[in-house]
N, C-alpha and C. Protein backbone atom coordinates (compact mmCIF):
# COMPACT_ATOMS: atom_id res chain seq x y z
N MET A 1 -0.68 -22.61 -17.46
CA MET A 1 -1.52 -21.52 -17.01
C MET A 1 -2.34 -21.05 -18.21
N LYS A 2 -3.63 -20.90 -18.00
CA LYS A 2 -4.51 -20.46 -19.09
C LYS A 2 -4.84 -18.98 -18.97
N VAL A 3 -5.05 -18.37 -20.12
CA VAL A 3 -5.47 -16.98 -20.17
C VAL A 3 -6.98 -16.97 -20.40
N THR A 4 -7.71 -16.15 -19.61
CA THR A 4 -9.16 -16.08 -19.78
C THR A 4 -9.51 -15.28 -21.03
N THR A 5 -10.77 -15.26 -21.39
CA THR A 5 -11.21 -14.50 -22.56
C THR A 5 -10.99 -13.00 -22.37
N LYS A 6 -10.84 -12.57 -21.12
CA LYS A 6 -10.57 -11.16 -20.83
C LYS A 6 -9.07 -10.87 -20.77
N GLY A 7 -8.23 -11.87 -21.05
CA GLY A 7 -6.79 -11.68 -21.03
C GLY A 7 -6.20 -11.75 -19.62
N GLN A 8 -6.90 -12.37 -18.69
CA GLN A 8 -6.43 -12.45 -17.31
C GLN A 8 -5.80 -13.80 -17.01
N VAL A 9 -4.82 -13.77 -16.11
CA VAL A 9 -4.20 -15.00 -15.62
C VAL A 9 -4.15 -14.92 -14.10
N THR A 10 -4.04 -16.05 -13.46
CA THR A 10 -3.89 -16.09 -12.00
C THR A 10 -2.41 -16.18 -11.69
N ILE A 11 -1.92 -15.28 -10.84
CA ILE A 11 -0.52 -15.32 -10.43
C ILE A 11 -0.42 -16.40 -9.34
N PRO A 12 0.43 -17.38 -9.54
CA PRO A 12 0.55 -18.46 -8.55
C PRO A 12 0.89 -17.93 -7.16
N ALA A 13 0.36 -18.61 -6.14
CA ALA A 13 0.53 -18.18 -4.75
C ALA A 13 2.00 -18.02 -4.36
N ARG A 14 2.86 -18.93 -4.80
CA ARG A 14 4.27 -18.82 -4.40
C ARG A 14 4.93 -17.55 -4.95
N ILE A 15 4.49 -17.12 -6.13
CA ILE A 15 5.03 -15.89 -6.72
C ILE A 15 4.44 -14.67 -6.01
N ARG A 16 3.13 -14.71 -5.72
CA ARG A 16 2.51 -13.61 -4.96
C ARG A 16 3.18 -13.45 -3.60
N ASP A 17 3.42 -14.58 -2.93
CA ASP A 17 4.07 -14.53 -1.62
C ASP A 17 5.49 -13.97 -1.73
N TYR A 18 6.23 -14.43 -2.71
CA TYR A 18 7.62 -13.98 -2.90
C TYR A 18 7.69 -12.48 -3.16
N LEU A 19 6.79 -11.96 -3.99
CA LEU A 19 6.79 -10.53 -4.33
C LEU A 19 6.02 -9.68 -3.34
N GLY A 20 5.30 -10.31 -2.42
CA GLY A 20 4.49 -9.55 -1.46
C GLY A 20 3.28 -8.92 -2.10
N ILE A 21 2.70 -9.62 -3.07
CA ILE A 21 1.51 -9.11 -3.76
C ILE A 21 0.27 -9.54 -3.00
N ALA A 22 -0.52 -8.57 -2.58
CA ALA A 22 -1.76 -8.82 -1.87
C ALA A 22 -2.91 -8.33 -2.73
N PRO A 23 -4.15 -8.66 -2.37
CA PRO A 23 -5.28 -8.13 -3.14
C PRO A 23 -5.19 -6.60 -3.22
N HIS A 24 -5.49 -6.08 -4.37
CA HIS A 24 -5.49 -4.63 -4.67
C HIS A 24 -4.08 -4.05 -4.81
N SER A 25 -3.05 -4.90 -4.85
CA SER A 25 -1.69 -4.41 -5.09
C SER A 25 -1.59 -3.98 -6.55
N ASN A 26 -0.70 -3.06 -6.81
CA ASN A 26 -0.43 -2.65 -8.19
C ASN A 26 0.81 -3.39 -8.66
N VAL A 27 0.72 -3.96 -9.85
CA VAL A 27 1.86 -4.67 -10.43
C VAL A 27 2.17 -4.08 -11.80
N GLU A 28 3.35 -4.36 -12.27
CA GLU A 28 3.78 -3.85 -13.58
C GLU A 28 4.35 -5.00 -14.39
N PHE A 29 4.00 -5.03 -15.67
CA PHE A 29 4.56 -6.00 -16.60
C PHE A 29 5.46 -5.25 -17.56
N ARG A 30 6.64 -5.81 -17.82
CA ARG A 30 7.53 -5.22 -18.83
C ARG A 30 8.23 -6.36 -19.55
N ILE A 31 8.77 -6.05 -20.70
CA ILE A 31 9.49 -7.06 -21.49
C ILE A 31 10.97 -6.77 -21.38
N ALA A 32 11.74 -7.80 -20.99
CA ALA A 32 13.19 -7.67 -20.86
C ALA A 32 13.84 -8.91 -21.48
N ASN A 33 14.65 -8.69 -22.48
CA ASN A 33 15.34 -9.79 -23.17
C ASN A 33 14.37 -10.86 -23.67
N GLY A 34 13.24 -10.44 -24.20
CA GLY A 34 12.27 -11.36 -24.76
C GLY A 34 11.41 -12.08 -23.74
N ALA A 35 11.53 -11.74 -22.45
CA ALA A 35 10.71 -12.36 -21.41
C ALA A 35 9.84 -11.31 -20.74
N VAL A 36 8.69 -11.72 -20.28
CA VAL A 36 7.80 -10.81 -19.56
C VAL A 36 8.19 -10.84 -18.09
N VAL A 37 8.41 -9.66 -17.52
CA VAL A 37 8.83 -9.54 -16.12
C VAL A 37 7.70 -8.89 -15.33
N LEU A 38 7.33 -9.52 -14.23
CA LEU A 38 6.29 -9.00 -13.34
C LEU A 38 6.96 -8.41 -12.11
N THR A 39 6.65 -7.16 -11.80
CA THR A 39 7.17 -6.53 -10.59
C THR A 39 6.03 -5.89 -9.82
N ARG A 40 6.22 -5.80 -8.52
CA ARG A 40 5.24 -5.14 -7.67
C ARG A 40 5.63 -3.69 -7.56
N GLU A 41 4.66 -2.79 -7.75
CA GLU A 41 4.94 -1.37 -7.58
C GLU A 41 5.08 -1.08 -6.10
N ALA A 42 5.91 -0.12 -5.78
CA ALA A 42 6.07 0.27 -4.38
C ALA A 42 4.73 0.81 -3.87
N PRO A 43 4.33 0.43 -2.66
CA PRO A 43 3.06 0.92 -2.14
C PRO A 43 3.08 2.44 -1.96
N ALA A 44 1.97 3.06 -2.27
CA ALA A 44 1.86 4.51 -2.10
C ALA A 44 1.87 4.85 -0.62
N ARG A 45 2.38 6.02 -0.30
CA ARG A 45 2.36 6.44 1.10
C ARG A 45 0.92 6.63 1.54
N SER A 46 0.60 6.04 2.63
CA SER A 46 -0.76 6.15 3.13
C SER A 46 -0.93 7.44 3.91
N VAL A 47 -2.17 7.86 4.04
CA VAL A 47 -2.48 9.05 4.83
C VAL A 47 -2.01 8.83 6.26
N ARG A 48 -2.20 7.61 6.75
CA ARG A 48 -1.78 7.29 8.10
C ARG A 48 -0.29 7.51 8.27
N GLY A 49 0.51 7.13 7.28
CA GLY A 49 1.95 7.29 7.34
C GLY A 49 2.38 8.74 7.39
N ARG A 50 1.67 9.60 6.69
CA ARG A 50 2.02 11.02 6.68
C ARG A 50 1.84 11.66 8.05
N PHE A 51 0.87 11.17 8.80
CA PHE A 51 0.57 11.76 10.10
C PHE A 51 1.24 11.02 11.26
N GLN A 52 1.89 9.92 10.95
CA GLN A 52 2.53 9.12 11.98
C GLN A 52 3.55 9.92 12.78
N LYS A 53 4.31 10.80 12.12
CA LYS A 53 5.34 11.56 12.82
C LYS A 53 4.76 12.57 13.81
N LEU A 54 3.47 12.88 13.67
CA LEU A 54 2.83 13.81 14.60
C LEU A 54 2.28 13.12 15.84
N ARG A 55 2.25 11.81 15.80
CA ARG A 55 1.70 11.05 16.92
C ARG A 55 2.45 11.37 18.21
N GLY A 56 1.70 11.73 19.22
CA GLY A 56 2.27 11.99 20.54
C GLY A 56 2.84 13.38 20.74
N VAL A 57 2.63 14.31 19.81
CA VAL A 57 3.19 15.65 19.93
C VAL A 57 2.63 16.39 21.14
N LEU A 58 1.38 16.16 21.43
CA LEU A 58 0.75 16.85 22.56
C LEU A 58 0.80 16.03 23.85
N LYS A 59 1.46 14.93 23.83
CA LYS A 59 1.49 14.03 24.97
C LYS A 59 1.95 14.76 26.24
N GLY A 60 1.13 14.68 27.27
CA GLY A 60 1.46 15.28 28.55
C GLY A 60 1.18 16.76 28.64
N LYS A 61 0.77 17.40 27.56
CA LYS A 61 0.52 18.84 27.58
C LYS A 61 -0.96 19.15 27.77
N GLN A 62 -1.81 18.45 27.04
CA GLN A 62 -3.25 18.68 27.12
C GLN A 62 -3.96 17.34 26.97
N THR A 63 -5.16 17.30 27.51
CA THR A 63 -5.98 16.13 27.25
C THR A 63 -6.61 16.31 25.89
N THR A 64 -7.12 15.24 25.33
CA THR A 64 -7.79 15.33 24.03
C THR A 64 -8.97 16.28 24.12
N LYS A 65 -9.73 16.20 25.20
CA LYS A 65 -10.89 17.10 25.37
C LYS A 65 -10.46 18.56 25.37
N GLN A 66 -9.39 18.86 26.10
CA GLN A 66 -8.91 20.24 26.15
C GLN A 66 -8.48 20.71 24.76
N TRP A 67 -7.76 19.88 24.05
CA TRP A 67 -7.27 20.26 22.73
C TRP A 67 -8.44 20.46 21.76
N MET A 68 -9.42 19.55 21.81
CA MET A 68 -10.60 19.67 20.94
C MET A 68 -11.38 20.95 21.23
N ARG A 69 -11.55 21.25 22.53
CA ARG A 69 -12.28 22.46 22.92
C ARG A 69 -11.54 23.70 22.41
N GLN A 70 -10.23 23.69 22.51
CA GLN A 70 -9.42 24.83 22.09
C GLN A 70 -9.46 25.02 20.57
N THR A 71 -9.37 23.93 19.83
CA THR A 71 -9.33 24.05 18.37
C THR A 71 -10.69 24.31 17.75
N ARG A 72 -11.75 23.92 18.44
CA ARG A 72 -13.11 24.15 17.92
C ARG A 72 -13.71 25.43 18.45
N GLY A 73 -13.10 26.00 19.49
CA GLY A 73 -13.58 27.15 20.23
C GLY A 73 -14.07 28.26 19.41
């Protein structure tokens, strides 16, 4: 594996697949017992995930139009 002039290397596909590294993933390099260890950082909680527990709270109580009219009123 070659290092580019910018100090970059390509992580082999089998390692990316094993670690679940996708484009724009955050990774961390550390040294352990004289070896470089690559780990994937845990994904940050998405905005979608924070609101997931609220999904369906109004189900059966109001239509979306009614709720929008009430909250914008």
